[in-house]
Protein backbone atom coordinates (compact mmCIF):
# COMPACT_ATOMS: atom_id res chain seq x y z
CA MET A 1 3.25 -22.93 4.30
CA ASN A 2 4.79 -25.61 2.12
CA ILE A 3 6.14 -24.03 -1.07
CA ARG A 4 7.26 -26.28 -3.87
CA VAL A 5 8.92 -25.05 -7.03
CA LEU A 6 9.54 -27.45 -9.91
CA LEU A 7 11.36 -26.40 -13.05
CA VAL A 8 10.26 -28.17 -16.19
CA ALA A 9 13.08 -28.80 -18.68
CA ALA A 10 11.37 -30.75 -21.46
CA SER A 11 8.45 -29.80 -23.67
CA LEU A 12 6.71 -33.13 -23.31
CA ALA A 13 3.27 -31.69 -22.58
CA ALA A 14 2.08 -31.59 -26.20
CA THR A 15 3.08 -35.20 -26.76
CA LEU A 16 1.42 -36.39 -23.55
CA LEU A 17 -1.88 -34.82 -24.56
CA LEU A 18 -2.14 -36.92 -27.69
CA ALA A 19 -3.81 -40.28 -27.46
CA PRO A 20 -1.50 -43.25 -28.11
CA GLY A 21 -1.27 -44.09 -31.79
CA VAL A 22 -2.51 -40.72 -33.05
CA ARG A 23 -0.18 -39.46 -35.76
CA ALA A 24 -1.29 -35.86 -36.06
CA ALA A 25 1.12 -33.02 -36.55
CA THR A 26 1.62 -31.12 -33.32
CA GLU A 27 2.61 -27.55 -32.80
CA LEU A 28 4.08 -26.47 -29.49
CA MET A 29 2.09 -23.43 -28.38
CA ASP A 30 3.78 -22.77 -25.05
CA GLN A 31 5.45 -24.67 -22.28
CA VAL A 32 5.61 -24.63 -18.52
CA VAL A 33 8.93 -23.40 -17.16
CA ALA A 34 8.05 -23.53 -13.46
CA ILE A 35 5.37 -24.88 -11.17
CA VAL A 36 5.03 -22.81 -8.02
CA ASP A 37 2.72 -24.47 -5.52
CA ASP A 38 -0.74 -23.98 -7.13
CA ASP A 39 0.47 -21.81 -10.03
CA ILE A 40 2.45 -22.26 -13.22
CA ILE A 41 4.80 -19.96 -15.08
CA MET A 42 4.71 -20.28 -18.84
CA ALA A 43 7.62 -19.73 -21.24
CA SER A 44 5.62 -16.99 -22.99
CA GLU A 45 5.19 -15.09 -19.71
CA LEU A 46 8.92 -15.37 -19.01
CA ARG A 47 9.77 -14.22 -22.54
CA GLU A 48 7.41 -11.21 -22.26
CA ARG A 49 9.07 -10.13 -19.02
CA VAL A 50 12.59 -10.56 -20.44
CA ASP A 51 11.59 -8.58 -23.55
CA ALA A 52 10.09 -5.78 -21.42
CA LEU A 53 13.23 -5.65 -19.28
CA THR A 54 15.40 -5.54 -22.40
CA GLN A 55 13.36 -2.64 -23.82
CA THR A 56 13.55 -0.75 -20.52
CA LEU A 57 17.31 -1.15 -20.23
CA LYS A 58 17.84 -0.14 -23.87
CA SER A 59 15.60 2.94 -23.51
CA ARG A 60 17.67 4.02 -20.50
CA GLY A 61 20.91 3.52 -22.43
CA MET A 62 22.11 0.78 -20.08
CA ASP A 63 24.22 -2.21 -21.03
CA LEU A 64 22.36 -5.50 -21.22
CA PRO A 65 23.52 -8.33 -18.97
CA PRO A 66 24.00 -11.76 -20.57
CA GLU A 67 20.67 -13.21 -21.73
CA ASP A 68 20.93 -16.34 -19.57
CA GLU A 69 21.44 -14.16 -16.50
CA MET A 70 18.42 -11.99 -17.40
CA ILE A 71 16.30 -15.11 -17.92
CA ARG A 72 17.37 -16.65 -14.60
CA GLU A 73 16.80 -13.46 -12.61
CA THR A 74 13.46 -12.78 -14.31
CA LEU A 75 12.30 -16.33 -13.58
CA ASP A 76 13.34 -15.87 -9.94
CA ARG A 77 11.23 -12.68 -9.80
CA LEU A 78 8.23 -14.42 -11.38
CA ILE A 79 8.50 -17.26 -8.86
CA LEU A 80 8.68 -14.80 -5.95
CA GLU A 81 5.69 -12.86 -7.30
CA SER A 82 3.71 -16.08 -7.64
CA ILE A 83 4.49 -17.09 -4.06
CA GLN A 84 3.48 -13.66 -2.76
CA LEU A 85 0.28 -13.57 -4.82
CA GLN A 86 -0.73 -17.03 -3.63
CA LYS A 87 -0.03 -16.03 -0.03
CA GLY A 88 -2.11 -12.88 -0.48
CA LEU A 89 -5.03 -14.83 -1.90
CA ARG A 90 -4.78 -17.43 0.90
CA VAL A 91 -4.97 -14.77 3.61
CA GLY A 92 -7.82 -12.97 1.86
CA VAL A 93 -6.12 -9.92 0.34
CA ARG A 94 -8.51 -8.52 -2.24
CA ILE A 95 -8.32 -5.36 -4.30
CA SER A 96 -11.74 -3.98 -5.21
CA ASP A 97 -12.40 -2.41 -8.60
CA ALA A 98 -12.81 0.96 -6.85
CA GLN A 99 -9.39 0.63 -5.20
CA LEU A 100 -7.87 -0.42 -8.51
CA ASP A 101 -9.53 2.49 -10.35
CA ALA A 102 -8.16 4.93 -7.75
CA ALA A 103 -4.64 3.50 -8.08
CA ILE A 104 -4.72 3.74 -11.87
CA GLN A 105 -6.10 7.29 -11.62
CA ASN A 106 -3.11 8.14 -9.38
CA ILE A 107 -0.68 6.60 -11.89
CA ALA A 108 -2.26 8.66 -14.68
CA ALA A 109 -2.07 11.84 -12.54
CA GLN A 110 1.61 11.18 -11.71
CA ASN A 111 2.23 11.04 -15.46
CA ARG A 112 0.27 14.30 -15.90
CA MET A 113 -2.46 12.58 -17.91
CA THR A 114 -6.16 12.07 -17.73
CA LEU A 115 -7.35 8.49 -17.42
CA GLU A 116 -8.32 8.46 -21.09
CA GLN A 117 -4.89 9.79 -22.14
CA PHE A 118 -3.19 7.20 -19.95
CA ARG A 119 -5.27 4.41 -21.43
CA ALA A 120 -4.42 5.59 -24.96
CA ALA A 121 -0.71 5.77 -24.05
CA VAL A 122 -0.79 2.21 -22.69
CA GLU A 123 -2.45 0.91 -25.85
CA GLN A 124 -0.10 2.98 -28.06
CA GLN A 125 2.82 1.11 -26.46
CA GLY A 126 1.23 -2.11 -27.63
CA GLN A 127 -0.07 -3.18 -24.23
CA SER A 128 -3.58 -4.26 -23.40
CA TYR A 129 -5.30 -1.90 -20.96
CA PRO A 130 -7.22 -4.73 -19.21
CA ALA A 131 -3.96 -6.71 -18.86
CA MET A 132 -2.24 -3.65 -17.41
CA ARG A 133 -5.12 -3.24 -14.91
CA GLU A 134 -4.68 -6.83 -13.76
CA GLN A 135 -0.93 -6.32 -13.43
CA VAL A 136 -1.55 -3.28 -11.21
CA ARG A 137 -4.00 -5.38 -9.14
CA LYS A 138 -1.33 -8.07 -8.69
CA GLU A 139 1.26 -5.47 -7.69
CA MET A 140 -1.14 -4.04 -5.10
CA ILE A 141 -1.72 -7.51 -3.62
CA ILE A 142 2.04 -8.12 -3.48
CA GLN A 143 2.58 -4.73 -1.77
CA ARG A 144 0.01 -5.63 0.88
CA VAL A 145 1.61 -9.03 1.46
CA GLN A 146 5.03 -7.41 1.79
CA ALA A 147 3.69 -4.72 4.14
CA GLY A 148 2.05 -7.41 6.27
CA ASN A 149 5.32 -9.32 6.52
CA VAL A 150 7.18 -6.17 7.54
CA ASN A 151 4.52 -5.25 10.11
CA GLN A 152 4.72 -8.74 11.61
CA ARG A 153 8.49 -8.37 12.15
CA ILE A 154 8.30 -4.98 13.89
CA GLN A 155 8.38 -5.24 17.65
CA ILE A 156 7.70 -2.21 19.79
CA THR A 157 9.09 -2.44 23.30
CA PRO A 158 8.17 -0.25 26.28
CA LYS A 159 11.60 1.41 26.05
């Protein structure tokens, strides 16, 4: 597997999309911060993750590390997740809707909620329920990829 990761430093994309000679005002909507094989990581995705981490640390009363360190470590995690997701998709790991529904039902039960209560709690926190479902699906794929890698490294000898 040939993995390539390119970090993009400039926000040249908006300019490149314009035809030569066009003098329209441009507004930068988002920018690519990393290209990971067949996937991209956007600045907005990185910012969302950093913001979520910041909220989590604050809610637990923990000190925040320097922002540049949080950004770097979060980007590293996003790159690793992307690599694992792509590997999972290449080897055919799929999570059916039934499997996903069961996992979300378990999450709700662990939080002592019905599925409807859990959904309402997710939306009350300002998150999209469909986006949360897809995040759970991605996490399940990553878990299966990681379990497969661990299982491949285990060797059982006759002893």
